[in-house]
Amino acid sequence: VFLHPSQHRLAYAPSYTGPALVTGAAGTGKTVVALHRAVYL
């Protein structure tokens, strides 16, 4: 559940103006970003 700085900026962005999409191949931490985003919200 660790976030790399590049992931941190996506998960903890103060706001997105609409739907946001994070893609990435296997093992790049997409699910971790999703978890952190849910907690932030």
PDB file of all heavy atoms in Angstrom:
ATOM      1  N   VAL A   1       0.826  -1.199   0.000  1.00  0.00           N
ATOM      2  CA  VAL A   1       0.000   0.000   0.000  1.00  0.00           C
ATOM      3  C   VAL A   1       0.865   1.256   0.000  1.00  0.00           C
ATOM      4  O   VAL A   1       0.395   2.349   0.273  1.00  0.00           O
ATOM      5  CB  VAL A   1      -0.966   0.017   1.205  1.00  0.00           C
ATOM      6  CG1 VAL A   1      -2.006  -1.079   1.054  1.00  0.00           C
ATOM      7  CG2 VAL A   1      -0.212  -0.158   2.525  1.00  0.00           C
ATOM      8  N   PHE A   2       2.156   1.097  -0.316  1.00  0.00           N
ATOM      9  CA  PHE A   2       3.071   2.229  -0.427  1.00  0.00           C
ATOM     10  C   PHE A   2       2.817   2.978  -1.736  1.00  0.00           C
ATOM     11  O   PHE A   2       2.498   2.383  -2.754  1.00  0.00           O
ATOM     12  CB  PHE A   2       4.507   1.706  -0.388  1.00  0.00           C
ATOM     13  CG  PHE A   2       5.522   2.689  -0.907  1.00  0.00           C
ATOM     14  CD1 PHE A   2       6.045   3.657  -0.072  1.00  0.00           C
ATOM     15  CD2 PHE A   2       5.937   2.637  -2.222  1.00  0.00           C
ATOM     16  CE1 PHE A   2       6.976   4.562  -0.547  1.00  0.00           C
ATOM     17  CE2 PHE A   2       6.871   3.537  -2.708  1.00  0.00           C
ATOM     18  CZ  PHE A   2       7.393   4.500  -1.858  1.00  0.00           C
ATOM     19  N   LEU A   3       2.975   4.298  -1.689  1.00  0.00           N
ATOM     20  CA  LEU A   3       2.799   5.115  -2.887  1.00  0.00           C
ATOM     21  C   LEU A   3       4.119   5.746  -3.309  1.00  0.00           C
ATOM     22  O   LEU A   3       4.793   6.405  -2.514  1.00  0.00           O
ATOM     23  CB  LEU A   3       1.789   6.240  -2.641  1.00  0.00           C
ATOM     24  CG  LEU A   3       0.306   5.884  -2.675  1.00  0.00           C
ATOM     25  CD1 LEU A   3      -0.519   7.143  -2.472  1.00  0.00           C
ATOM     26  CD2 LEU A   3      -0.074   5.231  -3.980  1.00  0.00           C
ATOM     27  N   HIS A   4       4.489   5.546  -4.559  1.00  0.00           N
ATOM     28  CA  HIS A   4       5.575   6.282  -5.190  1.00  0.00           C
ATOM     29  C   HIS A   4       5.092   7.725  -5.388  1.00  0.00           C
ATOM     30  O   HIS A   4       3.892   7.973  -5.512  1.00  0.00           O
ATOM     31  CB  HIS A   4       5.885   5.623  -6.542  1.00  0.00           C
ATOM     32  CG  HIS A   4       6.945   6.312  -7.331  1.00  0.00           C
ATOM     33  ND1 HIS A   4       6.675   7.337  -8.199  1.00  0.00           N
ATOM     34  CD2 HIS A   4       8.288   6.121  -7.380  1.00  0.00           C
ATOM     35  CE1 HIS A   4       7.803   7.747  -8.760  1.00  0.00           C
ATOM     36  NE2 HIS A   4       8.791   7.017  -8.279  1.00  0.00           N
ATOM     37  N   PRO A   5       6.007   8.715  -5.394  1.00  0.00           N
ATOM     38  CA  PRO A   5       5.562  10.106  -5.572  1.00  0.00           C
ATOM     39  C   PRO A   5       4.650  10.326  -6.773  1.00  0.00           C
ATOM     40  O   PRO A   5       3.684  11.088  -6.696  1.00  0.00           O
ATOM     41  CB  PRO A   5       6.886  10.869  -5.729  1.00  0.00           C
ATOM     42  CG  PRO A   5       7.859  10.062  -4.924  1.00  0.00           C
ATOM     43  CD  PRO A   5       7.449   8.632  -5.102  1.00  0.00           C
ATOM     44  N   SER A   6       4.925   9.657  -7.895  1.00  0.00           N
ATOM     45  CA  SER A   6       4.075   9.843  -9.074  1.00  0.00           C
ATOM     46  C   SER A   6       2.670   9.307  -8.818  1.00  0.00           C
ATOM     47  O   SER A   6       1.680   9.847  -9.325  1.00  0.00           O
ATOM     48  CB  SER A   6       4.686   9.132 -10.290  1.00  0.00           C
ATOM     49  OG  SER A   6       4.781   7.737 -10.058  1.00  0.00           O
ATOM     50  N   GLN A   7       2.567   8.227  -8.019  1.00  0.00           N
ATOM     51  CA  GLN A   7       1.255   7.690  -7.664  1.00  0.00           C
ATOM     52  C   GLN A   7       0.564   8.582  -6.636  1.00  0.00           C
ATOM     53  O   GLN A   7      -0.655   8.758  -6.671  1.00  0.00           O
ATOM     54  CB  GLN A   7       1.413   6.272  -7.106  1.00  0.00           C
ATOM     55  CG  GLN A   7       2.030   5.284  -8.072  1.00  0.00           C
ATOM     56  CD  GLN A   7       2.451   4.015  -7.368  1.00  0.00           C
ATOM     57  OE1 GLN A   7       2.699   4.004  -6.169  1.00  0.00           O
ATOM     58  NE2 GLN A   7       2.561   2.934  -8.120  1.00  0.00           N
ATOM     59  N   HIS A   8       1.351   9.125  -5.714  1.00  0.00           N
ATOM     60  CA  HIS A   8       0.797   9.974  -4.656  1.00  0.00           C
ATOM     61  C   HIS A   8       0.061  11.169  -5.249  1.00  0.00           C
ATOM     62  O   HIS A   8      -1.011  11.553  -4.786  1.00  0.00           O
ATOM     63  CB  HIS A   8       1.929  10.435  -3.735  1.00  0.00           C
ATOM     64  CG  HIS A   8       1.466  11.132  -2.493  1.00  0.00           C
ATOM     65  ND1 HIS A   8       1.089  12.461  -2.476  1.00  0.00           N
ATOM     66  CD2 HIS A   8       1.293  10.675  -1.220  1.00  0.00           C
ATOM     67  CE1 HIS A   8       0.721  12.793  -1.250  1.00  0.00           C
ATOM     68  NE2 HIS A   8       0.833  11.731  -0.471  1.00  0.00           N
ATOM     69  N   ARG A   9       0.621  11.763  -6.276  1.00  0.00           N
ATOM     70  CA  ARG A   9      -0.006  12.940  -6.878  1.00  0.00           C
ATOM     71  C   ARG A   9      -1.352  12.591  -7.507  1.00  0.00           C
ATOM     72  O   ARG A   9      -2.252  13.430  -7.543  1.00  0.00           O
ATOM     73  CB  ARG A   9       0.929  13.557  -7.918  1.00  0.00           C
ATOM     74  CG  ARG A   9       2.126  14.251  -7.301  1.00  0.00           C
ATOM     75  CD  ARG A   9       2.891  15.055  -8.322  1.00  0.00           C
ATOM     76  NE  ARG A   9       3.682  14.230  -9.205  1.00  0.00           N
ATOM     77  CZ  ARG A   9       4.890  13.756  -8.904  1.00  0.00           C
ATOM     78  NH1 ARG A   9       5.430  14.015  -7.738  1.00  0.00           N
ATOM     79  NH2 ARG A   9       5.568  13.031  -9.769  1.00  0.00           N
ATOM     80  N   LEU A  10      -1.487  11.357  -8.012  1.00  0.00           N
ATOM     81  CA  LEU A  10      -2.756  10.944  -8.595  1.00  0.00           C
ATOM     82  C   LEU A  10      -3.791  10.647  -7.511  1.00  0.00           C
ATOM     83  O   LEU A  10      -4.952  11.028  -7.622  1.00  0.00           O
ATOM     84  CB  LEU A  10      -2.552   9.706  -9.469  1.00  0.00           C
ATOM     85  CG  LEU A  10      -1.576   9.851 -10.642  1.00  0.00           C
ATOM     86  CD1 LEU A  10      -1.416   8.520 -11.353  1.00  0.00           C
ATOM     87  CD2 LEU A  10      -2.067  10.914 -11.615  1.00  0.00           C
ATOM     88  N   ALA A  11      -3.356   9.959  -6.460  1.00  0.00           N
ATOM     89  CA  ALA A  11      -4.290   9.540  -5.408  1.00  0.00           C
ATOM     90  C   ALA A  11      -4.746  10.699  -4.544  1.00  0.00           C
ATOM     91  O   ALA A  11      -5.886  10.712  -4.069  1.00  0.00           O
ATOM     92  CB  ALA A  11      -3.639   8.464  -4.544  1.00  0.00           C
ATOM     93  N   TYR A  12      -3.875  11.680  -4.329  1.00  0.00           N
ATOM     94  CA  TYR A  12      -4.185  12.759  -3.393  1.00  0.00           C
ATOM     95  C   TYR A  12      -4.354  14.110  -4.075  1.00  0.00           C
ATOM     96  O   TYR A  12      -4.250  15.149  -3.429  1.00  0.00           O
ATOM     97  CB  TYR A  12      -3.107  12.830  -2.307  1.00  0.00           C
ATOM     98  CG  TYR A  12      -3.203  11.659  -1.350  1.00  0.00           C
ATOM     99  CD1 TYR A  12      -2.458  10.503  -1.561  1.00  0.00           C
ATOM    100  CD2 TYR A  12      -4.070  11.696  -0.266  1.00  0.00           C
ATOM    101  CE1 TYR A  12      -2.567   9.415  -0.714  1.00  0.00           C
ATOM    102  CE2 TYR A  12      -4.186  10.611   0.589  1.00  0.00           C
ATOM    103  CZ  TYR A  12      -3.429   9.478   0.365  1.00  0.00           C
ATOM    104  OH  TYR A  12      -3.552   8.405   1.213  1.00  0.00           O
ATOM    105  N   ALA A  13      -4.626  14.099  -5.371  1.00  0.00           N
ATOM    106  CA  ALA A  13      -4.973  15.357  -6.041  1.00  0.00           C
ATOM    107  C   ALA A  13      -6.209  15.945  -5.362  1.00  0.00           C
ATOM    108  O   ALA A  13      -7.181  15.223  -5.117  1.00  0.00           O
ATOM    109  CB  ALA A  13      -5.251  15.105  -7.513  1.00  0.00           C
ATOM    110  N   PRO A  14      -6.199  17.234  -5.016  1.00  0.00           N
ATOM    111  CA  PRO A  14      -7.350  17.806  -4.301  1.00  0.00           C
ATOM    112  C   PRO A  14      -8.676  17.568  -4.997  1.00  0.00           C
ATOM    113  O   PRO A  14      -9.688  17.312  -4.350  1.00  0.00           O
ATOM    114  CB  PRO A  14      -7.004  19.302  -4.236  1.00  0.00           C
ATOM    115  CG  PRO A  14      -5.514  19.332  -4.270  1.00  0.00           C
ATOM    116  CD  PRO A  14      -5.109  18.211  -5.183  1.00  0.00           C
ATOM    117  N   SER A  15      -8.669  17.621  -6.344  1.00  0.00           N
ATOM    118  CA  SER A  15      -9.934  17.405  -7.040  1.00  0.00           C
ATOM    119  C   SER A  15      -9.689  17.165  -8.522  1.00  0.00           C
ATOM    120  O   SER A  15      -8.713  17.654  -9.097  1.00  0.00           O
ATOM    121  CB  SER A  15     -10.844  18.628  -6.880  1.00  0.00           C
ATOM    122  OG  SER A  15     -12.106  18.390  -7.452  1.00  0.00           O
ATOM    123  N   TYR A  16     -10.583  16.384  -9.124  1.00  0.00           N
ATOM    124  CA  TYR A  16     -10.641  16.227 -10.580  1.00  0.00           C
ATOM    125  C   TYR A  16     -11.979  16.797 -11.029  1.00  0.00           C
ATOM    126  O   TYR A  16     -13.010  16.589 -10.371  1.00  0.00           O
ATOM    127  CB  TYR A  16     -10.545  14.754 -10.977  1.00  0.00           C
ATOM    128  CG  TYR A  16      -9.203  14.112 -10.682  1.00  0.00           C
ATOM    129  CD1 TYR A  16      -9.012  13.374  -9.517  1.00  0.00           C
ATOM    130  CD2 TYR A  16      -8.136  14.242 -11.565  1.00  0.00           C
ATOM    131  CE1 TYR A  16      -7.783  12.778  -9.239  1.00  0.00           C
ATOM    132  CE2 TYR A  16      -6.903  13.645 -11.296  1.00  0.00           C
ATOM    133  CZ  TYR A  16      -6.739  12.920 -10.126  1.00  0.00           C
ATOM    134  OH  TYR A  16      -5.526  12.332  -9.855  1.00  0.00           O
ATOM    135  N   THR A  17     -11.982  17.465 -12.160  1.00  0.00           N
ATOM    136  CA  THR A  17     -13.202  18.139 -12.601  1.00  0.00           C
ATOM    137  C   THR A  17     -14.265  17.193 -13.120  1.00  0.00           C
ATOM    138  O   THR A  17     -15.389  17.608 -13.404  1.00  0.00           O
ATOM    139  CB  THR A  17     -12.872  19.181 -13.688  1.00  0.00           C
ATOM    140  OG1 THR A  17     -12.200  18.528 -14.775  1.00  0.00           O
ATOM    141  CG2 THR A  17     -11.982  20.282 -13.130  1.00  0.00           C
ATOM    142  N   GLY A  18     -13.925  15.932 -13.257  1.00  0.00           N
ATOM    143  CA  GLY A  18     -14.877  14.925 -13.721  1.00  0.00           C
ATOM    144  C   GLY A  18     -14.250  13.562 -13.575  1.00  0.00           C
ATOM    145  O   GLY A  18     -13.311  13.379 -12.792  1.00  0.00           O
ATOM    146  N   PRO A  19     -14.727  12.555 -14.311  1.00  0.00           N
ATOM    147  CA  PRO A  19     -14.138  11.223 -14.217  1.00  0.00           C
ATOM    148  C   PRO A  19     -12.642  11.253 -14.533  1.00  0.00           C
ATOM    149  O   PRO A  19     -12.200  11.950 -15.449  1.00  0.00           O
ATOM    150  CB  PRO A  19     -14.909  10.424 -15.272  1.00  0.00           C
ATOM    151  CG  PRO A  19     -16.217  11.135 -15.409  1.00  0.00           C
ATOM    152  CD  PRO A  19     -15.893  12.589 -15.231  1.00  0.00           C
ATOM    153  N   ALA A  20     -11.856  10.501 -13.762  1.00  0.00           N
ATOM    154  CA  ALA A  20     -10.407  10.413 -13.965  1.00  0.00           C
ATOM    155  C   ALA A  20     -10.038   8.958 -14.182  1.00  0.00           C
ATOM    156  O   ALA A  20     -10.649   8.049 -13.611  1.00  0.00           O
ATOM    157  CB  ALA A  20      -9.657  10.985 -12.767  1.00  0.00           C
ATOM    158  N   LEU A  21      -9.028   8.728 -15.027  1.00  0.00           N
ATOM    159  CA  LEU A  21      -8.603   7.376 -15.378  1.00  0.00           C
ATOM    160  C   LEU A  21      -7.109   7.219 -15.145  1.00  0.00           C
ATOM    161  O   LEU A  21      -6.309   8.046 -15.587  1.00  0.00           O
ATOM    162  CB  LEU A  21      -8.918   7.095 -16.851  1.00  0.00           C
ATOM    163  CG  LEU A  21      -8.358   5.792 -17.448  1.00  0.00           C
ATOM    164  CD1 LEU A  21      -9.003   4.575 -16.793  1.00  0.00           C
ATOM    165  CD2 LEU A  21      -8.567   5.761 -18.965  1.00  0.00           C
ATOM    166  N   VAL A  22      -6.733   6.149 -14.444  1.00  0.00           N
ATOM    167  CA  VAL A  22      -5.327   5.781 -14.266  1.00  0.00           C
ATOM    168  C   VAL A  22      -5.132   4.408 -14.892  1.00  0.00           C
ATOM    169  O   VAL A  22      -5.780   3.435 -14.485  1.00  0.00           O
ATOM    170  CB  VAL A  22      -4.934   5.739 -12.779  1.00  0.00           C
ATOM    171  CG1 VAL A  22      -3.494   5.256 -12.630  1.00  0.00           C
ATOM    172  CG2 VAL A  22      -5.098   7.117 -12.140  1.00  0.00           C
ATOM    173  N   THR A  23      -4.277   4.337 -15.896  1.00  0.00           N
ATOM    174  CA  THR A  23      -3.966   3.058 -16.527  1.00  0.00           C
ATOM    175  C   THR A  23      -2.519   2.683 -16.211  1.00  0.00           C
ATOM    176  O   THR A  23      -1.734   3.494 -15.730  1.00  0.00           O
ATOM    177  CB  THR A  23      -4.166   3.109 -18.051  1.00  0.00           C
ATOM    178  OG1 THR A  23      -3.264   4.087 -18.609  1.00  0.00           O
ATOM    179  CG2 THR A  23      -5.588   3.467 -18.405  1.00  0.00           C
ATOM    180  N   GLY A  24      -2.181   1.466 -16.511  1.00  0.00           N
ATOM    181  CA  GLY A  24      -0.828   0.998 -16.267  1.00  0.00           C
ATOM    182  C   GLY A  24      -0.805  -0.508 -16.342  1.00  0.00           C
ATOM    183  O   GLY A  24      -1.787  -1.168 -15.995  1.00  0.00           O
ATOM    184  N   ALA A  25       0.304  -1.050 -16.782  1.00  0.00           N
ATOM    185  CA  ALA A  25       0.416  -2.500 -16.913  1.00  0.00           C
ATOM    186  C   ALA A  25       0.503  -3.155 -15.544  1.00  0.00           C
ATOM    187  O   ALA A  25       0.541  -2.489 -14.507  1.00  0.00           O
ATOM    188  CB  ALA A  25       1.628  -2.849 -17.774  1.00  0.00           C
ATOM    189  N   ALA A  26       0.533  -4.475 -15.538  1.00  0.00           N
ATOM    190  CA  ALA A  26       0.501  -5.243 -14.303  1.00  0.00           C
ATOM    191  C   ALA A  26       1.635  -4.842 -13.367  1.00  0.00           C
ATOM    192  O   ALA A  26       2.781  -4.693 -13.785  1.00  0.00           O
ATOM    193  CB  ALA A  26       0.610  -6.731 -14.629  1.00  0.00           C
ATOM    194  N   GLY A  27       1.294  -4.655 -12.084  1.00  0.00           N
ATOM    195  CA  GLY A  27       2.298  -4.377 -11.066  1.00  0.00           C
ATOM    196  C   GLY A  27       2.729  -2.943 -10.944  1.00  0.00           C
ATOM    197  O   GLY A  27       3.663  -2.633 -10.200  1.00  0.00           O
ATOM    198  N   THR A  28       2.075  -2.020 -11.646  1.00  0.00           N
ATOM    199  CA  THR A  28       2.464  -0.612 -11.573  1.00  0.00           C
ATOM    200  C   THR A  28       1.786   0.138 -10.434  1.00  0.00           C
ATOM    201  O   THR A  28       2.004   1.333 -10.274  1.00  0.00           O
ATOM    202  CB  THR A  28       2.160   0.111 -12.904  1.00  0.00           C
ATOM    203  OG1 THR A  28       0.788  -0.114 -13.257  1.00  0.00           O
ATOM    204  CG2 THR A  28       3.049  -0.404 -14.019  1.00  0.00           C
ATOM    205  N   GLY A  29       0.963  -0.540  -9.646  1.00  0.00           N
ATOM    206  CA  GLY A  29       0.396   0.096  -8.459  1.00  0.00           C
ATOM    207  C   GLY A  29      -0.944   0.761  -8.652  1.00  0.00           C
ATOM    208  O   GLY A  29      -1.334   1.612  -7.850  1.00  0.00           O
ATOM    209  N   LYS A  30      -1.688   0.375  -9.684  1.00  0.00           N
ATOM    210  CA  LYS A  30      -2.990   1.009  -9.925  1.00  0.00           C
ATOM    211  C   LYS A  30      -3.940   0.781  -8.755  1.00  0.00           C
ATOM    212  O   LYS A  30      -4.638   1.700  -8.321  1.00  0.00           O
ATOM    213  CB  LYS A  30      -3.610   0.437 -11.207  1.00  0.00           C
ATOM    214  CG  LYS A  30      -2.774   0.609 -12.448  1.00  0.00           C
ATOM    215  CD  LYS A  30      -3.449   0.001 -13.673  1.00  0.00           C
ATOM    216  CE  LYS A  30      -3.665  -1.490 -13.550  1.00  0.00           C
ATOM    217  NZ  LYS A  30      -2.411  -2.258 -13.399  1.00  0.00           N
ATOM    218  N   THR A  31      -3.978  -0.458  -8.262  1.00  0.00           N
ATOM    219  CA  THR A  31      -4.896  -0.764  -7.157  1.00  0.00           C
ATOM    220  C   THR A  31      -4.519   0.010  -5.899  1.00  0.00           C
ATOM    221  O   THR A  31      -5.388   0.470  -5.162  1.00  0.00           O
ATOM    222  CB  THR A  31      -4.903  -2.274  -6.883  1.00  0.00           C
ATOM    223  OG1 THR A  31      -5.404  -2.949  -8.038  1.00  0.00           O
ATOM    224  CG2 THR A  31      -5.782  -2.618  -5.696  1.00  0.00           C
ATOM    225  N   VAL A  32      -3.216   0.168  -5.654  1.00  0.00           N
ATOM    226  CA  VAL A  32      -2.768   0.941  -4.495  1.00  0.00           C
ATOM    227  C   VAL A  32      -3.244   2.389  -4.619  1.00  0.00           C
ATOM    228  O   VAL A  32      -3.701   2.995  -3.649  1.00  0.00           O
ATOM    229  CB  VAL A  32      -1.237   0.880  -4.365  1.00  0.00           C
ATOM    230  CG1 VAL A  32      -0.764   1.703  -3.181  1.00  0.00           C
ATOM    231  CG2 VAL A  32      -0.781  -0.556  -4.202  1.00  0.00           C
ATOM    232  N   VAL A  33      -3.138   2.947  -5.823  1.00  0.00           N
ATOM    233  CA  VAL A  33      -3.633   4.314  -6.057  1.00  0.00           C
ATOM    234  C   VAL A  33      -5.131   4.380  -5.772  1.00  0.00           C
ATOM    235  O   VAL A  33      -5.616   5.323  -5.138  1.00  0.00           O
ATOM    236  CB  VAL A  33      -3.327   4.754  -7.511  1.00  0.00           C
ATOM    237  CG1 VAL A  33      -4.036   6.070  -7.838  1.00  0.00           C
ATOM    238  CG2 VAL A  33      -1.825   4.909  -7.708  1.00  0.00           C
ATOM    239  N   ALA A  34      -5.878   3.372  -6.224  1.00  0.00           N
ATOM    240  CA  ALA A  34      -7.324   3.348  -5.990  1.00  0.00           C
ATOM    241  C   ALA A  34      -7.641   3.319  -4.499  1.00  0.00           C
ATOM    242  O   ALA A  34      -8.538   4.023  -4.019  1.00  0.00           O
ATOM    243  CB  ALA A  34      -7.951   2.148  -6.693  1.00  0.00           C
ATOM    244  N   LEU A  35      -6.910   2.505  -3.747  1.00  0.00           N
ATOM    245  CA  LEU A  35      -7.138   2.413  -2.302  1.00  0.00           C
ATOM    246  C   LEU A  35      -6.907   3.759  -1.628  1.00  0.00           C
ATOM    247  O   LEU A  35      -7.717   4.216  -0.809  1.00  0.00           O
ATOM    248  CB  LEU A  35      -6.208   1.363  -1.700  1.00  0.00           C
ATOM    249  CG  LEU A  35      -6.520  -0.100  -2.028  1.00  0.00           C
ATOM    250  CD1 LEU A  35      -5.352  -0.988  -1.629  1.00  0.00           C
ATOM    251  CD2 LEU A  35      -7.787  -0.550  -1.316  1.00  0.00           C
ATOM    252  N   HIS A  36      -5.792   4.393  -1.961  1.00  0.00           N
ATOM    253  CA  HIS A  36      -5.482   5.691  -1.351  1.00  0.00           C
ATOM    254  C   HIS A  36      -6.502   6.751  -1.752  1.00  0.00           C
ATOM    255  O   HIS A  36      -6.867   7.614  -0.948  1.00  0.00           O
ATOM    256  CB  HIS A  36      -4.079   6.139  -1.750  1.00  0.00           C
ATOM    257  CG  HIS A  36      -2.987   5.496  -0.950  1.00  0.00           C
ATOM    258  ND1 HIS A  36      -2.469   6.066   0.185  1.00  0.00           N
ATOM    259  CD2 HIS A  36      -2.326   4.323  -1.115  1.00  0.00           C
ATOM    260  CE1 HIS A  36      -1.519   5.285   0.682  1.00  0.00           C
ATOM    261  NE2 HIS A  36      -1.413   4.215  -0.090  1.00  0.00           N
ATOM    262  N   ARG A  37      -6.952   6.699  -3.002  1.00  0.00           N
ATOM    263  CA  ARG A  37      -7.947   7.685  -3.443  1.00  0.00           C
ATOM    264  C   ARG A  37      -9.244   7.524  -2.661  1.00  0.00           C
ATOM    265  O   ARG A  37      -9.872   8.513  -2.261  1.00  0.00           O
ATOM    266  CB  ARG A  37      -8.218   7.538  -4.944  1.00  0.00           C
ATOM    267  CG  ARG A  37      -9.107   8.655  -5.531  1.00  0.00           C
ATOM    268  CD  ARG A  37      -8.426   9.989  -5.432  1.00  0.00           C
ATOM    269  NE  ARG A  37      -9.258  11.106  -5.885  1.00  0.00           N
ATOM    270  CZ  ARG A  37      -8.922  12.387  -5.728  1.00  0.00           C
ATOM    271  NH1 ARG A  37      -7.767  12.698  -5.141  1.00  0.00           N
ATOM    272  NH2 ARG A  37      -9.714  13.348  -6.143  1.00  0.00           N
ATOM    273  N   ALA A  38      -9.658   6.282  -2.437  1.00  0.00           N
ATOM    274  CA  ALA A  38     -10.883   6.042  -1.667  1.00  0.00           C
ATOM    275  C   ALA A  38     -10.751   6.594  -0.259  1.00  0.00           C
ATOM    276  O   ALA A  38     -11.683   7.219   0.278  1.00  0.00           O
ATOM    277  CB  ALA A  38     -11.188   4.546  -1.641  1.00  0.00           C
ATOM    278  N   VAL A  39      -9.595   6.389   0.366  1.00  0.00           N
ATOM    279  CA  VAL A  39      -9.372   6.900   1.724  1.00  0.00           C
ATOM    280  C   VAL A  39      -9.381   8.426   1.724  1.00  0.00           C
ATOM    281  O   VAL A  39      -9.985   9.056   2.600  1.00  0.00           O
ATOM    282  CB  VAL A  39      -8.042   6.361   2.285  1.00  0.00           C
ATOM    283  CG1 VAL A  39      -7.629   7.113   3.546  1.00  0.00           C
ATOM    284  CG2 VAL A  39      -8.166   4.876   2.588  1.00  0.00           C
ATOM    285  N   TYR A  40      -8.714   9.028   0.738  1.00  0.00           N
ATOM    286  CA  TYR A  40      -8.684  10.493   0.661  1.00  0.00           C
ATOM    287  C   TYR A  40     -10.094  11.067   0.532  1.00  0.00           C
ATOM    288  O   TYR A  40     -10.461  12.022   1.228  1.00  0.00           O
ATOM    289  CB  TYR A  40      -7.834  10.933  -0.535  1.00  0.00           C
ATOM    290  CG  TYR A  40      -7.938  12.418  -0.830  1.00  0.00           C
ATOM    291  CD1 TYR A  40      -7.233  13.342  -0.069  1.00  0.00           C
ATOM    292  CD2 TYR A  40      -8.757  12.885  -1.855  1.00  0.00           C
ATOM    293  CE1 TYR A  40      -7.338  14.702  -0.325  1.00  0.00           C
ATOM    294  CE2 TYR A  40      -8.866  14.238  -2.122  1.00  0.00           C
ATOM    295  CZ  TYR A  40      -8.157  15.141  -1.351  1.00  0.00           C
ATOM    296  OH  TYR A  40      -8.276  16.488  -1.603  1.00  0.00           O
ATOM    297  N   LEU A  41     -10.906  10.486  -0.326  1.00  0.00           N
ATOM    298  CA  LEU A  41     -12.270  10.985  -0.522  1.00  0.00           C
ATOM    299  C   LEU A  41     -13.116  10.765   0.728  1.00  0.00           C
ATOM    300  O   LEU A  41     -13.928  11.619   1.096  1.00  0.00           O
ATOM    301  CB  LEU A  41     -12.908  10.287  -1.726  1.00  0.00           C
ATOM    302  CG  LEU A  41     -12.286  10.616  -3.093  1.00  0.00           C
ATOM    303  CD1 LEU A  41     -12.843   9.685  -4.168  1.00  0.00           C
ATOM    304  CD2 LEU A  41     -12.527  12.069  -3.471  1.00  0.00           C
TER     305      LEU A  41
END
